[in-house]
Amino acid sequence: MKVLAITGQPGSGKTTAIDAIRDLGVVVTMGDVVRNEARKRNLEPSGNNIGKIAKDLRAEYGPTIIAEKCVDLIKSKNEEVVFVDGVRSLSEINIFRRFWKFPIISIVVDEEIRFNRLFKRDRSDDPKNLEELTERDKRELEFGLDKVLENADYTIQNNSSIENLKKKVRNLIINIINSY
């Protein structure tokens, strides 16, 4: 089994990157673990609720609980290639690396572009204003996302077109899979 991570700040282009490679494997989204928990608690999957649940889960069960749940999910899928979306900390990476090589591909984008993309998206957990965005970024950094980005095995700059991002991601992922 080949398991790889796609990571980046909210609005960096992770979803677009994953869309470009979806046919090469199966995707496990760490945020889905938190959104599923919101459903169990009968809470709307708003940005505030998702953030609070993510913090609560980590506080109650430890900083790697979401990664641990994802490991179980990945193993149950029995797929040749799995892409993990949403790694937030080095401790989560260490959980995955107990089982797999787990290369990290980081998608980065200039702040102004990222802000504009986020405000145009229509996901329930997206920020509705600059204050919410600042709070979300702060939360992500508290989890350790900055260290994940700094320690990525590969970095893709996403300041141009969707087509360009998809092409760069696909080429890189195919090379990684072939040399895994």
Protein backbone atom coordinates (compact mmCIF):
# COMPACT_ATOMS: atom_id res chain seq x y z
CA MET A 1 0.00 0.00 0.00
CA LYS A 2 1.31 3.44 -0.98
CA VAL A 3 0.01 6.25 1.22
CA LEU A 4 0.80 9.89 0.45
CA ALA A 5 -0.26 13.19 2.04
CA ILE A 6 -1.49 16.31 0.31
CA THR A 7 -1.32 19.30 2.63
CA GLY A 8 -1.56 23.07 2.59
CA GLN A 9 -3.34 25.95 4.23
CA PRO A 10 -7.06 26.35 3.67
CA GLY A 11 -7.58 27.72 0.16
CA SER A 12 -4.17 26.61 -1.11
CA GLY A 13 -5.61 24.27 -3.74
CA LYS A 14 -5.58 20.88 -2.01
CA THR A 15 -9.00 19.91 -3.34
CA THR A 16 -8.03 20.88 -6.89
CA ALA A 17 -4.79 18.92 -6.52
CA ILE A 18 -6.67 15.87 -5.31
CA ASP A 19 -9.17 16.17 -8.15
CA ALA A 20 -6.23 15.87 -10.55
CA ILE A 21 -5.14 12.52 -9.08
CA ARG A 22 -8.38 11.03 -7.82
CA ASP A 23 -8.26 8.35 -10.53
CA LEU A 24 -4.83 7.16 -9.26
CA GLY A 25 -6.05 6.07 -5.83
CA VAL A 26 -8.57 6.61 -3.08
CA VAL A 27 -8.79 9.77 -0.95
CA VAL A 28 -9.11 9.86 2.83
CA THR A 29 -9.88 13.33 4.14
CA MET A 30 -8.95 13.95 7.75
CA GLY A 31 -11.55 16.71 7.98
CA ASP A 32 -14.25 14.13 7.22
CA VAL A 33 -13.47 12.47 10.55
CA VAL A 34 -14.28 15.77 12.25
CA ARG A 35 -17.35 16.44 10.07
CA ASN A 36 -18.61 12.92 10.90
CA GLU A 37 -18.19 13.74 14.57
CA ALA A 38 -20.24 16.92 14.04
CA ARG A 39 -23.04 14.79 12.54
CA LYS A 40 -22.88 12.40 15.51
CA ARG A 41 -23.26 15.38 17.82
CA ASN A 42 -26.10 16.82 15.70
CA LEU A 43 -24.11 20.00 15.05
CA GLU A 44 -24.03 22.06 11.88
CA PRO A 45 -20.64 21.63 10.14
CA SER A 46 -19.82 25.35 10.38
CA GLY A 47 -16.26 26.57 10.63
CA ASN A 48 -16.65 27.33 14.32
CA ASN A 49 -18.18 23.93 15.13
CA ILE A 50 -15.60 22.00 13.08
CA GLY A 51 -12.77 23.91 14.73
CA LYS A 52 -14.17 23.35 18.20
CA ILE A 53 -14.73 19.63 17.59
CA ALA A 54 -11.20 19.21 16.21
CA LYS A 55 -9.78 20.91 19.31
CA ASP A 56 -12.06 18.93 21.65
CA LEU A 57 -11.15 15.58 20.09
CA ARG A 58 -7.44 16.35 20.38
CA ALA A 59 -7.85 17.59 23.97
CA GLU A 60 -9.81 14.50 25.03
CA TYR A 61 -7.96 11.76 23.11
CA GLY A 62 -4.58 13.31 22.28
CA PRO A 63 -3.14 15.27 19.36
CA THR A 64 -3.01 12.25 17.03
CA ILE A 65 -6.58 10.96 17.42
CA ILE A 66 -7.74 12.08 13.98
CA ALA A 67 -4.70 10.50 12.31
CA GLU A 68 -5.26 7.29 14.27
CA LYS A 69 -8.86 7.11 13.07
CA CYS A 70 -7.62 7.69 9.51
CA VAL A 71 -5.07 4.86 9.78
CA ASP A 72 -7.89 2.46 10.65
CA LEU A 73 -9.94 3.81 7.75
CA ILE A 74 -7.02 3.46 5.30
CA LYS A 75 -6.29 -0.11 6.38
CA SER A 76 -9.96 -1.04 5.93
CA LYS A 77 -9.92 0.20 2.32
CA ASN A 78 -7.21 -2.24 1.20
CA GLU A 79 -6.30 -0.02 -1.78
CA GLU A 80 -2.95 0.14 -3.58
CA VAL A 81 -2.69 3.96 -3.44
CA VAL A 82 -4.26 6.24 -0.82
CA PHE A 83 -4.06 10.03 -0.63
CA VAL A 84 -4.54 11.64 2.76
CA ASP A 85 -5.91 15.17 2.72
CA GLY A 86 -5.58 17.43 5.73
CA VAL A 87 -2.53 16.46 7.79
CA ARG A 88 -2.07 19.22 10.39
CA SER A 89 0.92 18.26 12.54
CA LEU A 90 4.23 16.42 12.66
CA SER A 91 2.80 14.12 15.34
CA GLU A 92 0.07 13.09 12.88
CA ILE A 93 2.72 12.43 10.23
CA ASN A 94 4.57 10.23 12.71
CA ILE A 95 1.42 8.14 13.21
CA PHE A 96 1.14 7.52 9.46
CA ARG A 97 4.89 6.84 9.15
CA ARG A 98 4.59 3.97 11.61
CA PHE A 99 2.84 2.11 8.80
CA TRP A 100 3.91 3.67 5.50
CA LYS A 101 6.67 5.74 3.89
CA PHE A 102 4.14 8.62 3.73
CA PRO A 103 5.68 11.35 1.56
CA ILE A 104 4.23 14.83 2.14
CA ILE A 105 3.26 17.03 -0.81
CA SER A 106 2.62 20.64 0.17
CA ILE A 107 0.54 23.03 -1.91
CA VAL A 108 1.48 26.66 -1.26
CA VAL A 109 0.01 29.88 -2.59
CA ASP A 110 0.47 33.59 -2.00
CA GLU A 111 -1.71 34.89 0.83
CA GLU A 112 -3.78 37.33 -1.24
CA ILE A 113 -4.68 34.63 -3.77
CA ARG A 114 -5.54 32.19 -0.98
CA PHE A 115 -7.78 34.71 0.77
CA ASN A 116 -9.65 35.48 -2.45
CA ARG A 117 -10.16 31.79 -3.19
CA LEU A 118 -11.50 31.06 0.27
CA PHE A 119 -13.99 33.90 0.18
CA LYS A 120 -15.31 32.70 -3.18
CA ARG A 121 -15.72 29.04 -2.15
CA ASP A 122 -19.04 27.88 -0.79
CA ARG A 123 -18.19 25.27 1.83
CA SER A 124 -20.05 25.37 5.12
CA ASP A 125 -16.82 25.58 7.12
CA ASP A 126 -15.22 28.35 5.03
CA PRO A 127 -14.68 31.75 6.65
CA LYS A 128 -17.24 34.41 5.83
CA ASN A 129 -14.96 37.36 6.64
CA LEU A 130 -11.34 38.26 7.39
CA GLU A 131 -11.82 37.81 11.15
CA GLU A 132 -13.03 34.22 10.70
CA LEU A 133 -10.17 33.53 8.29
CA THR A 134 -7.61 34.87 10.76
CA GLU A 135 -9.12 32.69 13.50
CA ARG A 136 -9.04 29.60 11.26
CA ASP A 137 -5.43 30.21 10.24
CA LYS A 138 -4.48 30.66 13.91
CA ARG A 139 -6.16 27.35 14.80
CA GLU A 140 -4.40 25.51 11.94
CA LEU A 141 -1.03 26.90 13.05
CA GLU A 142 -1.75 25.88 16.65
CA PHE A 143 -2.21 22.31 15.42
CA GLY A 144 1.26 22.55 13.80
CA LEU A 145 0.45 23.01 10.12
CA ASP A 146 3.36 25.44 9.69
CA LYS A 147 5.83 22.70 10.70
CA VAL A 148 4.21 20.24 8.29
CA LEU A 149 4.58 22.73 5.44
CA GLU A 150 8.21 23.45 6.38
CA ASN A 151 9.04 19.74 6.47
CA ALA A 152 7.20 18.62 3.33
CA ASP A 153 9.05 16.27 1.04
CA TYR A 154 7.73 18.11 -2.03
CA THR A 155 6.32 21.61 -2.50
CA ILE A 156 4.14 22.80 -5.36
CA GLN A 157 3.63 26.52 -5.90
CA ASN A 158 0.01 27.28 -6.84
CA ASN A 159 -0.09 30.90 -7.96
CA SER A 160 -1.25 30.31 -11.51
CA SER A 161 -4.10 28.46 -13.19
CA ILE A 162 -6.09 25.44 -12.10
CA GLU A 163 -4.87 23.58 -15.19
CA ASN A 164 -1.24 24.33 -14.31
CA LEU A 165 -1.71 23.08 -10.74
CA LYS A 166 -3.38 19.89 -11.92
CA LYS A 167 -0.58 19.20 -14.40
CA LYS A 168 2.18 19.80 -11.81
CA VAL A 169 0.47 17.66 -9.19
CA ARG A 170 -0.30 14.79 -11.52
CA ASN A 171 3.26 14.64 -12.89
CA LEU A 172 4.76 14.74 -9.40
CA ILE A 173 2.39 12.14 -7.95
CA ILE A 174 2.95 9.71 -10.81
CA ASN A 175 6.72 10.03 -10.26
CA ILE A 176 6.34 9.48 -6.51
CA ILE A 177 4.10 6.43 -6.96
CA ASN A 178 6.49 4.91 -9.49
CA SER A 179 9.48 5.36 -7.18
CA TYR A 180 7.70 4.59 -3.87
